[in-house]
């Protein structure tokens, strides 16, 4: 096979692979995720009690906005419970924890009650907010939020993104980073 044909074949295969990954929601690019220093996308979503919540209601506080795939699954439960267990430290750092998934408010309510989660869990049932944050895995018939976290500063700007999360130590990482960010802004 001549080199031009091989190169063309590699390009076609690369293009098809990228297209398939995009169609099945498995490829996210940095462009999909709000950049550090930009305003965090606004939202208006119901929490586990049916109350509409907006990002602007926490203006003046740090916001730990974490997306997670599914209520009451092992990794999601571990992540939520570590945020619950470290909430006192996070609150002392003037931070509000907010979870988002594509589950319903009813599912969130059962999950929050079962594990005594004292922070809002927002229902992004149409996945609009997950899309705006580049945090949606879409497999045509199944949509799940990716396990992404955004640390949003008191002015509403993205201060840090976490696109690879260890659920067992994520809240500890957030506490450490919040301390550093707060110190560097003084």
Protein backbone atom coordinates (compact mmCIF):
# COMPACT_ATOMS: atom_id res chain seq x y z
CA UNK A 1 0.00 0.00 0.00
CA UNK A 2 1.49 3.36 -0.89
CA UNK A 3 2.10 5.99 1.81
CA UNK A 4 -0.61 8.36 0.57
CA UNK A 5 -3.25 5.63 0.76
CA UNK A 6 -2.09 4.57 4.27
CA UNK A 7 -2.15 8.18 5.48
CA UNK A 8 -5.64 8.72 4.02
CA UNK A 9 -6.89 5.50 5.59
CA UNK A 10 -5.51 6.55 9.02
CA UNK A 11 -7.23 9.93 8.70
CA UNK A 12 -10.56 8.31 7.79
CA UNK A 13 -10.30 5.85 10.70
CA UNK A 14 -9.37 8.69 13.08
CA UNK A 15 -12.31 10.78 11.91
CA UNK A 16 -14.75 7.88 12.26
CA UNK A 17 -13.45 7.03 15.73
CA UNK A 18 -13.82 10.65 16.87
CA UNK A 19 -17.32 10.82 15.42
CA UNK A 20 -18.40 7.61 17.14
CA UNK A 21 -16.97 8.73 20.48
CA UNK A 22 -18.77 12.06 20.17
CA UNK A 23 -22.06 10.40 19.20
CA UNK A 24 -21.88 8.11 22.20
CA UNK A 25 -20.86 10.93 24.55
CA UNK A 26 -17.52 9.44 25.41
CA UNK A 27 -15.25 12.19 24.13
CA UNK A 28 -15.14 15.48 25.95
CA UNK A 29 -12.87 18.23 24.89
CA UNK A 30 -11.46 20.99 27.03
CA UNK A 31 -13.66 23.37 25.01
CA UNK A 32 -16.76 21.65 26.43
CA UNK A 33 -15.81 22.54 30.02
CA UNK A 34 -16.00 26.14 31.29
CA UNK A 35 -12.47 27.52 31.51
CA UNK A 36 -10.92 28.62 34.78
CA UNK A 37 -11.48 32.36 35.15
CA UNK A 38 -14.74 32.43 33.18
CA UNK A 39 -18.18 32.94 34.66
CA UNK A 40 -19.75 29.64 35.68
CA UNK A 41 -22.86 28.83 33.63
CA UNK A 42 -26.01 29.84 35.48
CA UNK A 43 -28.75 27.33 36.22
CA UNK A 44 -32.24 27.10 37.66
CA UNK A 45 -32.96 23.56 38.88
CA UNK A 46 -35.16 21.93 41.53
CA UNK A 47 -33.50 20.43 44.59
CA UNK A 48 -34.53 17.29 46.47
CA UNK A 49 -37.39 19.24 48.10
CA UNK A 50 -38.69 20.70 44.83
CA UNK A 51 -37.31 24.18 45.58
CA UNK A 52 -35.86 25.97 42.53
CA UNK A 53 -32.19 26.78 43.09
CA UNK A 54 -29.94 29.13 41.15
CA UNK A 55 -26.17 29.53 41.23
CA UNK A 56 -26.59 33.24 41.97
CA UNK A 57 -28.20 32.47 45.35
CA UNK A 58 -24.74 31.46 46.61
CA UNK A 59 -22.94 34.55 45.25
CA UNK A 60 -20.49 35.74 47.89
CA UNK A 61 -19.62 32.13 48.85
CA UNK A 62 -17.41 29.51 47.33
CA UNK A 63 -19.47 26.83 45.60
CA UNK A 64 -18.38 23.21 45.28
CA UNK A 65 -20.53 22.21 42.31
CA UNK A 66 -20.16 18.50 41.76
CA UNK A 67 -21.77 16.43 39.03
CA UNK A 68 -22.27 12.73 39.68
CA UNK A 69 -23.71 9.87 37.61
CA UNK A 70 -26.45 8.27 39.71
CA UNK A 71 -28.06 8.41 43.14
CA UNK A 72 -27.40 5.53 45.54
CA UNK A 73 -24.61 3.86 43.56
CA UNK A 74 -21.34 2.93 45.29
CA UNK A 75 -19.05 5.69 43.95
CA UNK A 76 -21.71 8.38 44.11
CA UNK A 77 -22.65 7.41 47.66
CA UNK A 78 -19.02 7.44 48.76
CA UNK A 79 -18.46 10.88 47.21
CA UNK A 80 -21.64 12.36 48.72
CA UNK A 81 -20.90 10.92 52.16
CA UNK A 82 -17.35 12.28 52.19
CA UNK A 83 -18.74 15.73 51.36
CA UNK A 84 -21.26 15.25 54.18
CA UNK A 85 -18.54 14.16 56.60
CA UNK A 86 -16.28 17.10 55.69
CA UNK A 87 -19.09 19.66 55.50
CA UNK A 88 -18.07 21.38 58.73
CA UNK A 89 -14.60 22.11 57.28
CA UNK A 90 -16.10 23.26 53.98
CA UNK A 91 -18.61 25.52 55.73
CA UNK A 92 -15.79 27.03 57.81
CA UNK A 93 -14.12 27.92 54.49
CA UNK A 94 -17.36 29.69 53.42
CA UNK A 95 -18.19 27.01 50.85
CA UNK A 96 -21.54 25.62 49.76
CA UNK A 97 -21.66 22.05 48.43
CA UNK A 98 -24.15 21.43 45.61
CA UNK A 99 -24.60 18.09 43.82
CA UNK A 100 -26.12 17.70 40.35
CA UNK A 101 -27.18 14.61 38.43
CA UNK A 102 -29.79 13.81 35.81
CA UNK A 103 -31.87 11.91 38.38
CA UNK A 104 -35.24 13.27 39.53
CA UNK A 105 -35.94 15.34 42.64
CA UNK A 106 -37.74 12.33 44.10
CA UNK A 107 -34.68 10.13 43.61
CA UNK A 108 -32.50 12.85 45.16
CA UNK A 109 -34.85 13.11 48.13
CA UNK A 110 -34.63 9.38 48.88
CA UNK A 111 -30.83 9.45 48.44
CA UNK A 112 -30.41 12.50 50.69
CA UNK A 113 -32.67 11.04 53.38
CA UNK A 114 -31.01 7.62 53.30
CA UNK A 115 -27.51 9.07 53.80
CA UNK A 116 -28.48 12.24 55.72
CA UNK A 117 -27.02 14.54 53.08
CA UNK A 118 -27.45 18.13 54.33
CA UNK A 119 -26.72 19.95 51.07
CA UNK A 120 -28.77 20.54 47.91
CA UNK A 121 -28.95 17.84 45.25
CA UNK A 122 -30.23 19.35 42.03
CA UNK A 123 -32.26 17.48 39.42
CA UNK A 124 -30.98 18.19 35.91
CA UNK A 125 -33.55 15.83 34.36
CA UNK A 126 -33.20 17.33 30.87
CA UNK A 127 -29.38 17.36 31.21
CA UNK A 128 -29.20 20.99 30.04
CA UNK A 129 -26.87 22.09 32.83
CA UNK A 130 -24.62 19.04 32.47
CA UNK A 131 -24.23 19.91 28.78
CA UNK A 132 -23.30 23.54 29.59
CA UNK A 133 -20.63 22.29 31.99
CA UNK A 134 -19.32 19.64 29.56
CA UNK A 135 -20.37 17.04 32.11
CA UNK A 136 -22.76 14.80 30.18
CA UNK A 137 -22.22 11.25 29.01
CA UNK A 138 -24.84 10.57 26.38
CA UNK A 139 -25.23 7.03 25.06
CA UNK A 140 -28.37 7.84 23.04
CA UNK A 141 -30.79 5.97 25.33
CA UNK A 142 -28.89 6.56 28.59
CA UNK A 143 -27.71 9.94 29.83
CA UNK A 144 -25.55 10.28 32.92
CA UNK A 145 -23.62 13.15 34.40
CA UNK A 146 -19.86 12.71 34.38
CA UNK A 147 -18.06 12.84 37.71
CA UNK A 148 -16.80 16.41 37.34
CA UNK A 149 -16.47 19.10 40.00
CA UNK A 150 -16.22 22.85 39.62
CA UNK A 151 -14.95 25.08 42.38
CA UNK A 152 -16.66 28.44 41.84
CA UNK A 153 -15.39 31.57 43.55
CA UNK A 154 -17.58 34.10 45.42
CA UNK A 155 -17.88 36.25 42.27
CA UNK A 156 -19.28 33.32 40.27
CA UNK A 157 -16.14 32.48 38.28
CA UNK A 158 -14.73 28.99 37.80
CA UNK A 159 -11.65 28.84 40.06
CA UNK A 160 -10.73 25.18 39.53
CA UNK A 161 -12.02 22.14 37.64
CA UNK A 162 -11.73 18.48 38.58
CA UNK A 163 -12.23 16.15 35.63
CA UNK A 164 -10.73 13.09 37.30
CA UNK A 165 -12.06 12.38 40.77
CA UNK A 166 -11.16 9.82 43.43
CA UNK A 167 -14.46 9.59 45.33
CA UNK A 168 -12.79 8.47 48.57
CA UNK A 169 -10.63 11.58 48.91
CA UNK A 170 -12.27 14.20 46.74
CA UNK A 171 -13.68 16.31 49.58
CA UNK A 172 -10.27 16.34 51.29
CA UNK A 173 -8.75 17.57 48.01
CA UNK A 174 -11.39 20.31 47.80
CA UNK A 175 -10.70 21.45 51.39
CA UNK A 176 -6.96 21.64 50.65
CA UNK A 177 -7.47 23.54 47.40
CA UNK A 178 -9.99 25.94 48.98
CA UNK A 179 -7.49 26.81 51.71
CA UNK A 180 -4.83 27.53 49.07
CA UNK A 181 -7.16 29.54 46.84
CA UNK A 182 -8.45 31.63 49.72
CA UNK A 183 -4.88 32.29 50.89
CA UNK A 184 -3.71 33.32 47.41
CA UNK A 185 -6.56 35.82 47.02
CA UNK A 186 -5.81 37.76 50.19
